[in-house]
Amino acid sequence: MRTRDLTPDALAAALTERTGRPHTAADLPPDTTACAFDADTLDAVSAILAVPLPALLHPSVPESTSGVNTPPSGTLYA
């Protein structure tokens, strides 16, 4: 979140505004391990962070030294 200049408190406030349900920074990872976001909340996070929804649901793939994205070994993508 910080890479987008958005503090956890600011994200929680934005989620509260978009979903109509109260959120606090303590509700967000990594402060909680039980992060049960429903579809509306995931959609709101996607819009707030300007990240496509599928990118929130799939692990990122590190870039190889050749500049081509290659999946890490031992994953479902390998």
PDB file of N, CA and C in Angstrom:
ATOM      1  N   MET A   1       0.813  -1.188   0.000  1.00  0.00           N
ATOM      2  CA  MET A   1       0.000   0.000   0.000  1.00  0.00           C
ATOM      3  C   MET A   1       0.857   1.253   0.000  1.00  0.00           C
ATOM      4  N   ARG A   2       1.970   1.196   0.677  1.00  0.00           N
ATOM      5  CA  ARG A   2       2.811   2.387   0.751  1.00  0.00           C
ATOM      6  C   ARG A   2       3.401   2.753  -0.609  1.00  0.00           C
ATOM      7  N   THR A   3       3.562   1.766  -1.499  1.00  0.00           N
ATOM      8  CA  THR A   3       4.100   2.092  -2.815  1.00  0.00           C
ATOM      9  C   THR A   3       3.132   2.970  -3.595  1.00  0.00           C
ATOM     10  N   ARG A   4       1.903   2.997  -3.204  1.00  0.00           N
ATOM     11  CA  ARG A   4       0.896   3.852  -3.837  1.00  0.00           C
ATOM     12  C   ARG A   4       0.617   5.075  -2.969  1.00  0.00           C
ATOM     13  N   ASP A   5       1.495   5.347  -2.015  1.00  0.00           N
ATOM     14  CA  ASP A   5       1.338   6.469  -1.083  1.00  0.00           C
ATOM     15  C   ASP A   5      -0.008   6.427  -0.382  1.00  0.00           C
ATOM     16  N   LEU A   6      -0.430   5.241  -0.002  1.00  0.00           N
ATOM     17  CA  LEU A   6      -1.693   5.051   0.692  1.00  0.00           C
ATOM     18  C   LEU A   6      -1.401   4.305   1.989  1.00  0.00           C
ATOM     19  N   THR A   7      -1.605   4.983   3.110  1.00  0.00           N
ATOM     20  CA  THR A   7      -1.369   4.337   4.398  1.00  0.00           C
ATOM     21  C   THR A   7      -2.482   3.336   4.680  1.00  0.00           C
ATOM     22  N   PRO A   8      -2.245   2.389   5.582  1.00  0.00           N
ATOM     23  CA  PRO A   8      -3.320   1.463   5.954  1.00  0.00           C
ATOM     24  C   PRO A   8      -4.569   2.199   6.457  1.00  0.00           C
ATOM     25  N   ASP A   9      -4.374   3.279   7.210  1.00  0.00           N
ATOM     26  CA  ASP A   9      -5.524   4.041   7.696  1.00  0.00           C
ATOM     27  C   ASP A   9      -6.296   4.676   6.547  1.00  0.00           C
ATOM     28  N   ALA A  10      -5.582   5.192   5.547  1.00  0.00           N
ATOM     29  CA  ALA A  10      -6.243   5.806   4.393  1.00  0.00           C
ATOM     30  C   ALA A  10      -6.995   4.753   3.579  1.00  0.00           C
ATOM     31  N   LEU A  11      -6.401   3.565   3.420  1.00  0.00           N
ATOM     32  CA  LEU A  11      -7.092   2.492   2.708  1.00  0.00           C
ATOM     33  C   LEU A  11      -8.335   2.067   3.474  1.00  0.00           C
ATOM     34  N   ALA A  12      -8.233   1.940   4.784  1.00  0.00           N
ATOM     35  CA  ALA A  12      -9.390   1.563   5.593  1.00  0.00           C
ATOM     36  C   ALA A  12     -10.502   2.603   5.468  1.00  0.00           C
ATOM     37  N   ALA A  13     -10.142   3.882   5.484  1.00  0.00           N
ATOM     38  CA  ALA A  13     -11.145   4.938   5.329  1.00  0.00           C
ATOM     39  C   ALA A  13     -11.794   4.882   3.948  1.00  0.00           C
ATOM     40  N   ALA A  14     -10.993   4.633   2.919  1.00  0.00           N
ATOM     41  CA  ALA A  14     -11.528   4.539   1.561  1.00  0.00           C
ATOM     42  C   ALA A  14     -12.449   3.323   1.425  1.00  0.00           C
ATOM     43  N   LEU A  15     -12.070   2.212   2.050  1.00  0.00           N
ATOM     44  CA  LEU A  15     -12.926   1.022   2.028  1.00  0.00           C
ATOM     45  C   LEU A  15     -14.246   1.288   2.745  1.00  0.00           C
ATOM     46  N   THR A  16     -14.178   1.987   3.868  1.00  0.00           N
ATOM     47  CA  THR A  16     -15.392   2.325   4.607  1.00  0.00           C
ATOM     48  C   THR A  16     -16.318   3.164   3.743  1.00  0.00           C
ATOM     49  N   GLU A  17     -15.742   4.134   3.044  1.00  0.00           N
ATOM     50  CA  GLU A  17     -16.537   5.005   2.185  1.00  0.00           C
ATOM     51  C   GLU A  17     -17.152   4.244   1.012  1.00  0.00           C
ATOM     52  N   ARG A  18     -16.362   3.385   0.361  1.00  0.00           N
ATOM     53  CA  ARG A  18     -16.843   2.679  -0.841  1.00  0.00           C
ATOM     54  C   ARG A  18     -17.816   1.554  -0.525  1.00  0.00           C
ATOM     55  N   THR A  19     -17.606   0.852   0.603  1.00  0.00           N
ATOM     56  CA  THR A  19     -18.440  -0.309   0.900  1.00  0.00           C
ATOM     57  C   THR A  19     -19.595   0.008   1.849  1.00  0.00           C
ATOM     58  N   GLY A  20     -19.503   1.127   2.565  1.00  0.00           N
ATOM     59  CA  GLY A  20     -20.541   1.460   3.533  1.00  0.00           C
ATOM     60  C   GLY A  20     -20.433   0.652   4.819  1.00  0.00           C
ATOM     61  N   ARG A  21     -19.344  -0.098   4.963  1.00  0.00           N
ATOM     62  CA  ARG A  21     -19.101  -0.892   6.171  1.00  0.00           C
ATOM     63  C   ARG A  21     -17.821  -0.385   6.822  1.00  0.00           C
ATOM     64  N   PRO A  22     -17.794  -0.323   8.151  1.00  0.00           N
ATOM     65  CA  PRO A  22     -16.594   0.200   8.822  1.00  0.00           C
ATOM     66  C   PRO A  22     -15.385  -0.726   8.655  1.00  0.00           C
ATOM     67  N   HIS A  23     -14.255  -0.129   8.346  1.00  0.00           N
ATOM     68  CA  HIS A  23     -12.974  -0.837   8.252  1.00  0.00           C
ATOM     69  C   HIS A  23     -11.939  -0.017   9.000  1.00  0.00           C
ATOM     70  N   THR A  24     -10.997  -0.701   9.629  1.00  0.00           N
ATOM     71  CA  THR A  24      -9.868  -0.047  10.277  1.00  0.00           C
ATOM     72  C   THR A  24      -8.588  -0.669   9.753  1.00  0.00           C
ATOM     73  N   ALA A  25      -7.469  -0.018  10.036  1.00  0.00           N
ATOM     74  CA  ALA A  25      -6.178  -0.564   9.610  1.00  0.00           C
ATOM     75  C   ALA A  25      -5.940  -1.942  10.220  1.00  0.00           C
ATOM     76  N   ALA A  26      -6.502  -2.192  11.395  1.00  0.00           N
ATOM     77  CA  ALA A  26      -6.337  -3.493  12.052  1.00  0.00           C
ATOM     78  C   ALA A  26      -7.058  -4.604  11.295  1.00  0.00           C
ATOM     79  N   ASP A  27      -8.005  -4.240  10.428  1.00  0.00           N
ATOM     80  CA  ASP A  27      -8.725  -5.240   9.628  1.00  0.00           C
ATOM     81  C   ASP A  27      -7.936  -5.690   8.410  1.00  0.00           C
ATOM     82  N   LEU A  28      -6.842  -5.011   8.102  1.00  0.00           N
ATOM     83  CA  LEU A  28      -6.099  -5.251   6.869  1.00  0.00           C
ATOM     84  C   LEU A  28      -4.852  -6.087   7.123  1.00  0.00           C
ATOM     85  N   PRO A  29      -4.424  -6.860   6.133  1.00  0.00           N
ATOM     86  CA  PRO A  29      -3.154  -7.573   6.271  1.00  0.00           C
ATOM     87  C   PRO A  29      -2.017  -6.556   6.321  1.00  0.00           C
ATOM     88  N   PRO A  30      -0.946  -6.779   6.966  1.00  0.00           N
ATOM     89  CA  PRO A  30      -0.594  -7.992   7.705  1.00  0.00           C
ATOM     90  C   PRO A  30      -1.038  -7.968   9.155  1.00  0.00           C
ATOM     91  N   ASP A  31      -1.808  -6.955   9.583  1.00  0.00           N
ATOM     92  CA  ASP A  31      -2.237  -6.887  10.980  1.00  0.00           C
ATOM     93  C   ASP A  31      -3.187  -8.008  11.370  1.00  0.00           C
ATOM     94  N   THR A  32      -3.900  -8.563  10.415  1.00  0.00           N
ATOM     95  CA  THR A  32      -4.788  -9.679  10.704  1.00  0.00           C
ATOM     96  C   THR A  32      -4.480 -10.823   9.759  1.00  0.00           C
ATOM     97  N   THR A  33      -4.545 -12.009  10.286  1.00  0.00           N
ATOM     98  CA  THR A  33      -4.332 -13.183   9.429  1.00  0.00           C
ATOM     99  C   THR A  33      -5.659 -13.680   8.875  1.00  0.00           C
ATOM    100  N   ALA A  34      -6.751 -13.251   9.483  1.00  0.00           N
ATOM    101  CA  ALA A  34      -8.082 -13.656   9.033  1.00  0.00           C
ATOM    102  C   ALA A  34      -8.680 -12.538   8.190  1.00  0.00           C
ATOM    103  N   CYS A  35      -8.163 -12.382   7.006  1.00  0.00           N
ATOM    104  CA  CYS A  35      -8.611 -11.310   6.117  1.00  0.00           C
ATOM    105  C   CYS A  35      -9.686 -11.865   5.193  1.00  0.00           C
ATOM    106  N   ALA A  36     -10.909 -11.825   5.671  1.00  0.00           N
ATOM    107  CA  ALA A  36     -12.021 -12.383   4.901  1.00  0.00           C
ATOM    108  C   ALA A  36     -12.736 -11.274   4.148  1.00  0.00           C
ATOM    109  N   PHE A  37     -12.202 -10.891   2.992  1.00  0.00           N
ATOM    110  CA  PHE A  37     -12.830  -9.866   2.173  1.00  0.00           C
ATOM    111  C   PHE A  37     -13.899 -10.509   1.307  1.00  0.00           C
ATOM    112  N   ASP A  38     -15.085  -9.899   1.281  1.00  0.00           N
ATOM    113  CA  ASP A  38     -16.119 -10.383   0.379  1.00  0.00           C
ATOM    114  C   ASP A  38     -15.899  -9.768  -1.004  1.00  0.00           C
ATOM    115  N   ALA A  39     -16.740 -10.143  -1.958  1.00  0.00           N
ATOM    116  CA  ALA A  39     -16.560  -9.683  -3.338  1.00  0.00           C
ATOM    117  C   ALA A  39     -16.626  -8.161  -3.448  1.00  0.00           C
ATOM    118  N   ASP A  40     -17.538  -7.526  -2.707  1.00  0.00           N
ATOM    119  CA  ASP A  40     -17.650  -6.063  -2.761  1.00  0.00           C
ATOM    120  C   ASP A  40     -16.391  -5.383  -2.245  1.00  0.00           C
ATOM    121  N   THR A  41     -15.825  -5.924  -1.176  1.00  0.00           N
ATOM    122  CA  THR A  41     -14.612  -5.341  -0.603  1.00  0.00           C
ATOM    123  C   THR A  41     -13.432  -5.540  -1.543  1.00  0.00           C
ATOM    124  N   LEU A  42     -13.313  -6.722  -2.147  1.00  0.00           N
ATOM    125  CA  LEU A  42     -12.239  -6.953  -3.117  1.00  0.00           C
ATOM    126  C   LEU A  42     -12.358  -6.001  -4.304  1.00  0.00           C
ATOM    127  N   ASP A  43     -13.575  -5.783  -4.771  1.00  0.00           N
ATOM    128  CA  ASP A  43     -13.802  -4.847  -5.873  1.00  0.00           C
ATOM    129  C   ASP A  43     -13.396  -3.434  -5.456  1.00  0.00           C
ATOM    130  N   ALA A  44     -13.719  -3.054  -4.221  1.00  0.00           N
ATOM    131  CA  ALA A  44     -13.342  -1.726  -3.728  1.00  0.00           C
ATOM    132  C   ALA A  44     -11.829  -1.583  -3.625  1.00  0.00           C
ATOM    133  N   VAL A  45     -11.151  -2.594  -3.092  1.00  0.00           N
ATOM    134  CA  VAL A  45      -9.683  -2.554  -2.997  1.00  0.00           C
ATOM    135  C   VAL A  45      -9.075  -2.426  -4.390  1.00  0.00           C
ATOM    136  N   SER A  46      -9.600  -3.179  -5.332  1.00  0.00           N
ATOM    137  CA  SER A  46      -9.124  -3.118  -6.710  1.00  0.00           C
ATOM    138  C   SER A  46      -9.238  -1.693  -7.259  1.00  0.00           C
ATOM    139  N   ALA A  47     -10.384  -1.064  -7.047  1.00  0.00           N
ATOM    140  CA  ALA A  47     -10.598   0.293  -7.553  1.00  0.00           C
ATOM    141  C   ALA A  47      -9.730   1.311  -6.825  1.00  0.00           C
ATOM    142  N   ILE A  48      -9.625   1.197  -5.505  1.00  0.00           N
ATOM    143  CA  ILE A  48      -8.843   2.154  -4.711  1.00  0.00           C
ATOM    144  C   ILE A  48      -7.373   2.099  -5.089  1.00  0.00           C
ATOM    145  N   LEU A  49      -6.845   0.891  -5.252  1.00  0.00           N
ATOM    146  CA  LEU A  49      -5.418   0.734  -5.568  1.00  0.00           C
ATOM    147  C   LEU A  49      -5.133   0.801  -7.063  1.00  0.00           C
ATOM    148  N   ALA A  50      -6.185   0.851  -7.878  1.00  0.00           N
ATOM    149  CA  ALA A  50      -6.035   0.856  -9.337  1.00  0.00           C
ATOM    150  C   ALA A  50      -5.251  -0.372  -9.800  1.00  0.00           C
ATOM    151  N   VAL A  51      -5.637  -1.518  -9.233  1.00  0.00           N
ATOM    152  CA  VAL A  51      -5.024  -2.802  -9.566  1.00  0.00           C
ATOM    153  C   VAL A  51      -6.145  -3.701 -10.074  1.00  0.00           C
ATOM    154  N   PRO A  52      -5.980  -4.337 -11.235  1.00  0.00           N
ATOM    155  CA  PRO A  52      -7.030  -5.230 -11.725  1.00  0.00           C
ATOM    156  C   PRO A  52      -7.340  -6.324 -10.702  1.00  0.00           C
ATOM    157  N   LEU A  53      -8.599  -6.654 -10.563  1.00  0.00           N
ATOM    158  CA  LEU A  53      -9.020  -7.646  -9.582  1.00  0.00           C
ATOM    159  C   LEU A  53      -8.245  -8.954  -9.694  1.00  0.00           C
ATOM    160  N   PRO A  54      -8.026  -9.509 -10.888  1.00  0.00           N
ATOM    161  CA  PRO A  54      -7.252 -10.757 -10.958  1.00  0.00           C
ATOM    162  C   PRO A  54      -5.843 -10.626 -10.366  1.00  0.00           C
ATOM    163  N   ALA A  55      -5.262  -9.457 -10.456  1.00  0.00           N
ATOM    164  CA  ALA A  55      -3.918  -9.265  -9.900  1.00  0.00           C
ATOM    165  C   ALA A  55      -3.928  -9.343  -8.378  1.00  0.00           C
ATOM    166  N   LEU A  56      -5.061  -9.033  -7.759  1.00  0.00           N
ATOM    167  CA  LEU A  56      -5.160  -9.165  -6.304  1.00  0.00           C
ATOM    168  C   LEU A  56      -5.284 -10.617  -5.880  1.00  0.00           C
ATOM    169  N   LEU A  57      -5.804 -11.439  -6.765  1.00  0.00           N
ATOM    170  CA  LEU A  57      -6.110 -12.828  -6.418  1.00  0.00           C
ATOM    171  C   LEU A  57      -5.029 -13.823  -6.808  1.00  0.00           C
ATOM    172  N   HIS A  58      -4.076 -13.408  -7.620  1.00  0.00           N
ATOM    173  CA  HIS A  58      -3.017 -14.297  -8.075  1.00  0.00           C
ATOM    174  C   HIS A  58      -1.670 -13.775  -7.599  1.00  0.00           C
ATOM    175  N   PRO A  59      -0.756 -14.674  -7.257  1.00  0.00           N
ATOM    176  CA  PRO A  59       0.565 -14.223  -6.820  1.00  0.00           C
ATOM    177  C   PRO A  59       1.313 -13.556  -7.965  1.00  0.00           C
ATOM    178  N   SER A  60       2.152 -12.618  -7.603  1.00  0.00           N
ATOM    179  CA  SER A  60       2.957 -11.978  -8.640  1.00  0.00           C
ATOM    180  C   SER A  60       4.058 -12.927  -9.083  1.00  0.00           C
ATOM    181  N   VAL A  61       4.501 -12.744 -10.290  1.00  0.00           N
ATOM    182  CA  VAL A  61       5.557 -13.576 -10.857  1.00  0.00           C
ATOM    183  C   VAL A  61       6.799 -12.705 -10.990  1.00  0.00           C
ATOM    184  N   PRO A  62       7.891 -13.077 -10.322  1.00  0.00           N
ATOM    185  CA  PRO A  62       9.098 -12.264 -10.420  1.00  0.00           C
ATOM    186  C   PRO A  62       9.676 -12.289 -11.834  1.00  0.00           C
ATOM    187  N   GLU A  63      10.315 -11.199 -12.210  1.00  0.00           N
ATOM    188  CA  GLU A  63      10.940 -11.146 -13.533  1.00  0.00           C
ATOM    189  C   GLU A  63      12.273 -11.873 -13.498  1.00  0.00           C
ATOM    190  N   SER A  64      12.572 -12.568 -14.573  1.00  0.00           N
ATOM    191  CA  SER A  64      13.853 -13.260 -14.662  1.00  0.00           C
ATOM    192  C   SER A  64      14.914 -12.263 -15.100  1.00  0.00           C
ATOM    193  N   THR A  65      16.139 -12.702 -15.101  1.00  0.00           N
ATOM    194  CA  THR A  65      17.227 -11.819 -15.520  1.00  0.00           C
ATOM    195  C   THR A  65      17.163 -11.514 -17.006  1.00  0.00           C
ATOM    196  N   SER A  66      16.422 -12.321 -17.765  1.00  0.00           N
ATOM    197  CA  SER A  66      16.320 -12.076 -19.203  1.00  0.00           C
ATOM    198  C   SER A  66      15.258 -11.029 -19.517  1.00  0.00           C
ATOM    199  N   GLY A  67      14.531 -10.599 -18.483  1.00  0.00           N
ATOM    200  CA  GLY A  67      13.491  -9.608 -18.694  1.00  0.00           C
ATOM    201  C   GLY A  67      12.154 -10.200 -19.063  1.00  0.00           C
ATOM    202  N   VAL A  68      12.098 -11.530 -19.138  1.00  0.00           N
ATOM    203  CA  VAL A  68      10.843 -12.221 -19.449  1.00  0.00           C
ATOM    204  C   VAL A  68      10.291 -12.778 -18.153  1.00  0.00           C
ATOM    205  N   ASN A  69       9.014 -12.588 -17.907  1.00  0.00           N
ATOM    206  CA  ASN A  69       8.424 -13.132 -16.686  1.00  0.00           C
ATOM    207  C   ASN A  69       8.444 -14.639 -16.719  1.00  0.00           C
ATOM    208  N   THR A  70       9.037 -15.221 -15.707  1.00  0.00           N
ATOM    209  CA  THR A  70       9.061 -16.671 -15.586  1.00  0.00           C
ATOM    210  C   THR A  70       8.532 -17.034 -14.221  1.00  0.00           C
ATOM    211  N   PRO A  71       7.708 -18.042 -14.145  1.00  0.00           N
ATOM    212  CA  PRO A  71       7.153 -18.429 -12.837  1.00  0.00           C
ATOM    213  C   PRO A  71       8.208 -19.081 -11.966  1.00  0.00           C
ATOM    214  N   PRO A  72       8.077 -18.920 -10.661  1.00  0.00           N
ATOM    215  CA  PRO A  72       9.017 -19.593  -9.770  1.00  0.00           C
ATOM    216  C   PRO A  72       8.821 -21.096  -9.832  1.00  0.00           C
ATOM    217  N   SER A  73       9.904 -21.845  -9.663  1.00  0.00           N
ATOM    218  CA  SER A  73       9.780 -23.306  -9.727  1.00  0.00           C
ATOM    219  C   SER A  73       8.984 -23.789  -8.530  1.00  0.00           C
ATOM    220  N   GLY A  74       8.292 -24.897  -8.719  1.00  0.00           N
ATOM    221  CA  GLY A  74       7.512 -25.468  -7.628  1.00  0.00           C
ATOM    222  C   GLY A  74       6.148 -24.834  -7.464  1.00  0.00           C
ATOM    223  N   THR A  75       5.724 -23.984  -8.381  1.00  0.00           N
ATOM    224  CA  THR A  75       4.401 -23.368  -8.285  1.00  0.00           C
ATOM    225  C   THR A  75       3.485 -23.989  -9.322  1.00  0.00           C
ATOM    226  N   LEU A  76       2.242 -23.648  -9.226  1.00  0.00           N
ATOM    227  CA  LEU A  76       1.275 -24.147 -10.207  1.00  0.00           C
ATOM    228  C   LEU A  76       1.561 -23.614 -11.608  1.00  0.00           C
ATOM    229  N   TYR A  77       2.310 -22.517 -11.698  1.00  0.00           N
ATOM    230  CA  TYR A  77       2.569 -21.879 -12.962  1.00  0.00           C
ATOM    231  C   TYR A  77       3.804 -22.455 -13.668  1.00  0.00           C
ATOM    232  N   ALA A  78       4.561 -23.285 -12.976  1.00  0.00           N
ATOM    233  CA  ALA A  78       5.801 -23.799 -13.566  1.00  0.00           C
ATOM    234  C   ALA A  78       5.521 -24.966 -14.477  1.00  0.00           C
TER     235      ALA A  78
END
